[in-house]
Amino acid sequence: MRSIFSIRVQLLSLVLAISLPMIVMMLFTIYDNAQHRIEEASNTAHILAMSASTDISRVLASNRDMMVQMAKRPAIRKMSAKHCDPVLWDLLGLFPRSANMTVVDINGTAICSAVPQPGGKPVSVAKAAWFKKSLQEDGFVVSDPFFGPITGRWVTVLTYPVRDDQGRKIGFIGLPLDLALYQPNLTNVPLIPGTSIGVISGDGTYVWRNLETEKWVGQNHGQNQTIKNILAGSEGEMEGVGGIRRHYQSLRSRKCPGRCMSASPPAISRHSFRLRSTVTCCWACSDWY
């Protein structure tokens, strides 16, 4: 009996001597793959955030250049509701992502609008935050997102001053961009299925999101801890607004407040690594009992 037991012990020792290095190698492979996936997710998320930020800068720059030229047109510089420049309607047809094309006088009255104004009368935007910001600043201004009273859409307004012959500010070109229609050019970026890309303002309002755009644009999640972390510059794996853990990367755009961010499906975390390691060890040992 003792000899049989001794043989079993010797056989078990032999098997363990052979299998333990294999188990260790397998666990190391799992860990190494996890590290690679985490690094890959981080790099991809960073590329997406950078691409979104670059595209926003491109869109803003092209619109600014157009508005600079529009502000020089004689019909616009007249600041007359009776002599609105037909180019407003032409440009609205050429750029469907623009929610409207407007000319606003220095008192905040939208004297010309390519989109019919409510009640057929000029709307006053004098109390709007974007108009006050345009009065205070000089040059091209980008507003925070808001629900437009004329367009009935979530927009961000781009403004550029119109000046008289003495260089005095007499009004503004106003270009509300329809946020739900904005589509950044990300054709050359590797997009992992389930990845969300978004732009949030400084107060945590979604300016744009690639998934369920209409649902998310205009929503404020400034009180969500993850959004707070992102606005503060934090990155990595966090629990998102919907309670799903994702890998976040973000970049601040030089042209507008807030951040461009991407949220990729989570890579293998250390917790899942420990879980898989435990299951593997249990499976290896179960064969002997």
Protein backbone atom coordinates (compact mmCIF):
# COMPACT_ATOMS: atom_id res chain seq x y z
CA MET A 1 0.00 0.00 0.00
CA ARG A 2 2.81 2.37 0.94
CA SER A 3 4.63 1.63 -2.28
CA ILE A 4 1.49 2.43 -4.35
CA PHE A 5 1.06 5.71 -2.46
CA SER A 6 4.74 6.47 -2.96
CA ILE A 7 4.40 5.87 -6.71
CA ARG A 8 1.37 8.22 -6.91
CA VAL A 9 3.29 10.91 -5.07
CA GLN A 10 6.24 10.50 -7.39
CA LEU A 11 3.98 10.64 -10.45
CA LEU A 12 2.19 13.74 -9.12
CA SER A 13 5.53 15.38 -8.41
CA LEU A 14 6.67 14.60 -11.93
CA VAL A 15 3.49 15.99 -13.47
CA LEU A 16 3.70 19.12 -11.34
CA ALA A 17 7.32 19.59 -12.32
CA ILE A 18 6.26 19.50 -15.97
CA SER A 19 2.96 21.42 -15.70
CA LEU A 20 3.94 24.22 -13.31
CA PRO A 21 6.31 25.90 -15.77
CA MET A 22 3.57 25.61 -18.41
CA ILE A 23 1.00 27.18 -16.05
CA VAL A 24 3.42 29.99 -15.18
CA MET A 25 4.09 30.57 -18.87
CA MET A 26 0.36 30.58 -19.63
CA LEU A 27 -0.34 33.09 -16.84
CA PHE A 28 2.48 35.30 -18.06
CA THR A 29 1.04 35.16 -21.60
CA ILE A 30 -2.39 36.20 -20.30
CA TYR A 31 -0.83 39.06 -18.36
CA ASP A 32 1.31 40.14 -21.31
CA ASN A 33 -1.70 40.08 -23.66
CA ALA A 34 -3.67 42.13 -21.14
CA GLN A 35 -0.91 44.74 -20.98
CA HIS A 36 -0.78 44.92 -24.78
CA ARG A 37 -4.56 45.36 -24.99
CA ILE A 38 -4.50 48.11 -22.37
CA GLU A 39 -1.72 49.90 -24.24
CA GLU A 40 -3.51 49.42 -27.57
CA ALA A 41 -6.78 50.77 -26.17
CA SER A 42 -4.98 53.78 -24.71
CA ASN A 43 -3.18 54.55 -27.99
CA THR A 44 -6.35 54.15 -30.07
CA ALA A 45 -8.36 56.34 -27.72
CA HIS A 46 -5.65 59.02 -27.84
CA ILE A 47 -5.59 58.97 -31.66
CA LEU A 48 -9.39 59.31 -31.78
CA ALA A 49 -9.43 62.23 -29.36
CA MET A 50 -6.60 63.93 -31.26
CA SER A 51 -8.34 63.40 -34.62
CA ALA A 52 -11.63 64.82 -33.32
CA SER A 53 -9.80 67.85 -31.90
CA THR A 54 -7.94 68.42 -35.17
CA ASP A 55 -11.13 68.16 -37.20
CA ILE A 56 -12.92 70.68 -34.97
CA SER A 57 -10.05 73.11 -35.45
CA ARG A 58 -10.30 72.59 -39.22
CA VAL A 59 -14.07 73.21 -39.27
CA LEU A 60 -13.78 76.33 -37.13
CA ALA A 61 -10.90 77.73 -39.19
CA SER A 62 -12.74 77.25 -42.50
CA ASN A 63 -15.89 78.90 -41.14
CA ARG A 64 -13.87 81.77 -39.68
CA ASP A 65 -12.22 82.43 -43.04
CA MET A 66 -15.61 82.50 -44.75
CA MET A 67 -17.08 84.86 -42.14
CA VAL A 68 -14.12 87.23 -42.44
CA GLN A 69 -14.94 87.65 -46.12
CA MET A 70 -18.69 87.96 -45.50
CA ALA A 71 -18.12 90.77 -43.00
CA LYS A 72 -16.52 92.84 -45.79
CA ARG A 73 -19.56 92.70 -48.08
CA PRO A 74 -21.25 96.11 -48.60
CA ALA A 75 -24.80 94.73 -48.24
CA ILE A 76 -23.93 93.25 -44.85
CA ARG A 77 -22.11 96.37 -43.66
CA LYS A 78 -25.25 98.41 -44.33
CA MET A 79 -26.84 96.74 -41.30
CA SER A 80 -30.29 97.18 -42.81
CA ALA A 81 -33.22 94.81 -42.41
CA LYS A 82 -34.54 96.12 -45.74
CA HIS A 83 -31.37 95.26 -47.65
CA CYS A 84 -30.37 91.77 -46.49
CA ASP A 85 -27.58 90.21 -48.51
CA PRO A 86 -28.87 87.26 -50.65
CA VAL A 87 -25.59 85.47 -49.91
CA LEU A 88 -27.07 84.44 -46.55
CA TRP A 89 -29.59 82.17 -48.27
CA ASP A 90 -27.04 80.96 -50.82
CA LEU A 91 -24.58 79.90 -48.14
CA LEU A 92 -27.27 78.17 -46.07
CA GLY A 93 -28.08 76.03 -49.10
CA LEU A 94 -24.41 75.27 -49.71
CA PHE A 95 -23.67 74.35 -46.09
CA PRO A 96 -26.57 72.24 -44.76
CA ARG A 97 -24.80 71.66 -41.43
CA SER A 98 -25.29 75.33 -40.71
CA ALA A 99 -28.57 75.82 -38.85
CA ASN A 100 -28.86 79.42 -40.07
CA MET A 101 -27.02 82.47 -41.42
CA THR A 102 -27.73 85.73 -39.61
CA VAL A 103 -26.72 89.36 -39.35
CA VAL A 104 -27.11 90.84 -35.87
CA ASP A 105 -26.81 94.56 -35.15
CA ILE A 106 -24.88 96.01 -32.23
CA ASN A 107 -28.07 96.12 -30.11
CA GLY A 108 -28.62 92.39 -30.45
CA THR A 109 -31.41 92.38 -33.03
CA ALA A 110 -31.23 89.69 -35.71
CA ILE A 111 -32.01 92.03 -38.61
CA CYS A 112 -31.39 89.39 -41.29
CA SER A 113 -31.92 85.65 -41.04
CA ALA A 114 -31.87 82.94 -43.70
CA VAL A 115 -34.28 80.92 -41.54
CA PRO A 116 -37.70 82.60 -40.98
CA GLN A 117 -37.86 84.12 -37.51
CA PRO A 118 -40.69 83.26 -35.07
CA GLY A 119 -43.71 85.43 -35.75
CA GLY A 120 -42.03 86.93 -38.78
CA LYS A 121 -40.39 89.60 -36.62
CA PRO A 122 -36.68 90.16 -35.84
CA VAL A 123 -35.62 88.31 -32.71
CA SER A 124 -33.58 90.03 -30.03
CA VAL A 125 -30.57 88.06 -28.80
CA ALA A 126 -29.27 90.89 -26.62
CA LYS A 127 -29.56 88.78 -23.45
CA ALA A 128 -27.98 85.68 -24.97
CA ALA A 129 -24.66 84.63 -23.47
CA TRP A 130 -23.06 84.25 -26.89
CA PHE A 131 -24.01 87.81 -27.89
CA LYS A 132 -22.63 89.29 -24.66
CA LYS A 133 -19.43 87.31 -25.20
CA SER A 134 -19.17 88.65 -28.76
CA LEU A 135 -19.54 92.23 -27.50
CA GLN A 136 -16.76 91.74 -24.97
CA GLU A 137 -14.28 89.94 -27.21
CA ASP A 138 -12.67 91.02 -30.44
CA GLY A 139 -12.62 88.79 -33.49
CA PHE A 140 -13.89 85.25 -34.03
CA VAL A 141 -15.94 83.87 -31.13
CA VAL A 142 -17.28 80.35 -30.46
CA SER A 143 -20.21 80.02 -28.07
CA ASP A 144 -21.14 77.25 -25.66
CA PRO A 145 -23.96 74.99 -26.96
CA PHE A 146 -27.57 76.08 -26.44
CA PHE A 147 -31.06 75.52 -27.84
CA GLY A 148 -31.56 78.13 -30.58
CA PRO A 149 -34.80 80.16 -30.38
CA ILE A 150 -34.85 80.71 -34.15
CA THR A 151 -33.60 77.33 -35.41
CA GLY A 152 -35.21 75.12 -32.77
CA ARG A 153 -32.00 73.06 -32.73
CA TRP A 154 -29.04 72.56 -30.42
CA VAL A 155 -26.38 74.82 -31.85
CA THR A 156 -23.13 76.57 -31.14
CA VAL A 157 -22.92 80.05 -32.62
CA LEU A 158 -19.86 81.33 -34.41
CA THR A 159 -19.67 85.12 -34.62
CA TYR A 160 -17.41 87.57 -36.36
CA PRO A 161 -17.67 91.38 -36.03
CA VAL A 162 -18.82 93.68 -38.81
CA ARG A 163 -17.11 97.09 -38.77
CA ASP A 164 -17.75 100.46 -40.36
CA ASP A 165 -15.21 102.54 -42.31
CA GLN A 166 -13.72 103.83 -39.03
CA GLY A 167 -13.18 100.32 -37.75
CA ARG A 168 -15.93 100.52 -35.15
CA LYS A 169 -17.90 97.38 -34.35
CA ILE A 170 -21.47 97.81 -35.70
CA GLY A 171 -22.76 94.23 -35.63
CA PHE A 172 -21.95 90.60 -36.24
CA ILE A 173 -22.17 87.77 -38.71
CA GLY A 174 -23.81 84.90 -36.83
CA LEU A 175 -23.39 81.30 -37.93
CA PRO A 176 -25.22 78.71 -35.76
CA LEU A 177 -23.81 75.22 -36.40
CA ASP A 178 -26.31 72.37 -36.04
CA LEU A 179 -24.50 70.14 -33.55
CA ALA A 180 -26.52 67.03 -34.35
CA LEU A 181 -25.42 67.22 -38.00
CA TYR A 182 -21.72 67.64 -37.28
CA GLN A 183 -19.68 64.66 -38.47
CA PRO A 184 -15.90 64.83 -37.99
CA ASN A 185 -13.66 63.27 -40.61
CA LEU A 186 -12.37 60.12 -38.89
CA THR A 187 -12.08 57.90 -41.96
CA ASN A 188 -8.38 57.22 -41.42
CA VAL A 189 -8.69 56.41 -37.72
CA PRO A 190 -9.02 52.80 -36.44
CA LEU A 191 -12.42 52.79 -34.74
CA ILE A 192 -13.01 49.88 -32.36
CA PRO A 193 -16.68 48.76 -32.42
CA GLY A 194 -18.56 50.32 -29.50
CA THR A 195 -16.17 53.26 -29.20
CA SER A 196 -17.82 56.60 -28.48
CA ILE A 197 -16.26 59.91 -29.47
CA GLY A 198 -17.57 63.12 -27.99
CA VAL A 199 -16.99 66.80 -27.48
CA ILE A 200 -18.01 68.33 -24.15
CA SER A 201 -18.07 71.98 -23.18
CA GLY A 202 -16.43 73.41 -20.08
CA ASP A 203 -19.59 72.84 -18.02
CA GLY A 204 -19.99 69.20 -19.07
CA THR A 205 -22.56 69.69 -21.84
CA TYR A 206 -22.29 67.36 -24.82
CA VAL A 207 -21.58 69.41 -27.93
CA TRP A 208 -21.43 66.29 -30.09
CA ARG A 209 -21.29 62.48 -29.81
CA ASN A 210 -20.89 59.94 -32.58
CA LEU A 211 -23.33 57.42 -31.05
CA GLU A 212 -27.01 58.39 -30.62
CA THR A 213 -26.13 61.97 -31.52
CA GLU A 214 -29.64 63.45 -31.27
CA LYS A 215 -30.10 61.91 -27.82
CA TRP A 216 -26.82 63.19 -26.36
CA VAL A 217 -26.30 66.64 -27.90
CA GLY A 218 -27.25 69.33 -25.39
CA GLN A 219 -27.31 67.01 -22.38
CA ASN A 220 -25.41 68.27 -19.38
CA HIS A 221 -23.49 65.74 -17.28
CA GLY A 222 -21.30 68.19 -15.43
CA GLN A 223 -22.13 66.55 -12.10
CA ASN A 224 -20.98 63.11 -13.25
CA GLN A 225 -17.67 62.23 -11.60
CA THR A 226 -16.13 60.81 -14.77
CA ILE A 227 -16.99 63.96 -16.74
CA LYS A 228 -15.47 66.02 -13.92
CA ASN A 229 -12.34 63.90 -14.12
CA ILE A 230 -12.13 64.28 -17.91
CA LEU A 231 -12.53 68.06 -17.74
CA ALA A 232 -9.75 68.07 -15.14
CA GLY A 233 -7.50 66.18 -17.57
CA SER A 234 -7.75 62.67 -16.09
CA GLU A 235 -7.49 59.65 -18.40
CA GLY A 236 -7.66 55.86 -18.17
CA GLU A 237 -10.34 53.33 -17.31
CA MET A 238 -13.37 54.86 -15.58
CA GLU A 239 -17.08 54.24 -15.15
CA GLY A 240 -18.96 56.32 -17.71
CA VAL A 241 -22.29 58.15 -17.59
CA GLY A 242 -24.21 54.96 -18.39
CA GLY A 243 -22.44 52.96 -15.68
CA ILE A 244 -20.22 51.11 -18.18
CA ARG A 245 -16.47 51.07 -17.63
CA ARG A 246 -14.51 52.38 -20.60
CA HIS A 247 -11.02 53.56 -21.40
CA TYR A 248 -11.06 57.37 -21.70
CA GLN A 249 -8.63 59.70 -23.43
CA SER A 250 -9.21 63.41 -23.96
CA LEU A 251 -7.61 66.52 -25.40
CA ARG A 252 -8.39 70.19 -24.97
CA SER A 253 -9.17 72.00 -28.20
CA ARG A 254 -7.27 75.26 -28.66
CA LYS A 255 -10.18 76.77 -30.57
CA CYS A 256 -13.06 76.23 -28.16
CA PRO A 257 -13.71 75.49 -24.47
CA GLY A 258 -14.14 71.94 -23.21
CA ARG A 259 -12.51 68.74 -24.38
CA CYS A 260 -12.59 66.19 -27.18
CA MET A 261 -12.77 62.71 -25.72
CA SER A 262 -12.97 59.09 -26.77
CA ALA A 263 -14.25 56.15 -24.75
CA SER A 264 -13.16 52.71 -25.92
CA PRO A 265 -14.46 49.36 -24.64
CA PRO A 266 -12.33 48.39 -21.63
CA ALA A 267 -9.25 46.23 -22.14
CA ILE A 268 -8.49 43.31 -19.81
CA SER A 269 -8.15 44.77 -16.36
CA ARG A 270 -5.98 43.41 -13.57
CA HIS A 271 -9.14 42.14 -11.88
CA SER A 272 -10.11 40.04 -14.90
CA PHE A 273 -6.50 38.85 -15.13
CA ARG A 274 -6.63 37.58 -11.55
CA LEU A 275 -9.99 35.94 -12.21
CA ARG A 276 -8.75 34.13 -15.31
CA SER A 277 -5.58 33.09 -13.51
CA THR A 278 -7.59 31.59 -10.66
CA VAL A 279 -9.86 29.69 -13.05
CA THR A 280 -6.84 28.36 -14.95
CA CYS A 281 -5.15 27.13 -11.77
CA CYS A 282 -8.35 25.53 -10.51
CA TRP A 283 -8.85 23.80 -13.87
CA ALA A 284 -5.25 22.49 -13.82
CA CYS A 285 -5.52 21.15 -10.28
CA SER A 286 -9.00 19.63 -10.74
CA ASP A 287 -7.61 16.96 -13.06
CA TRP A 288 -5.83 15.31 -10.15
CA TYR A 289 -8.82 14.92 -7.80
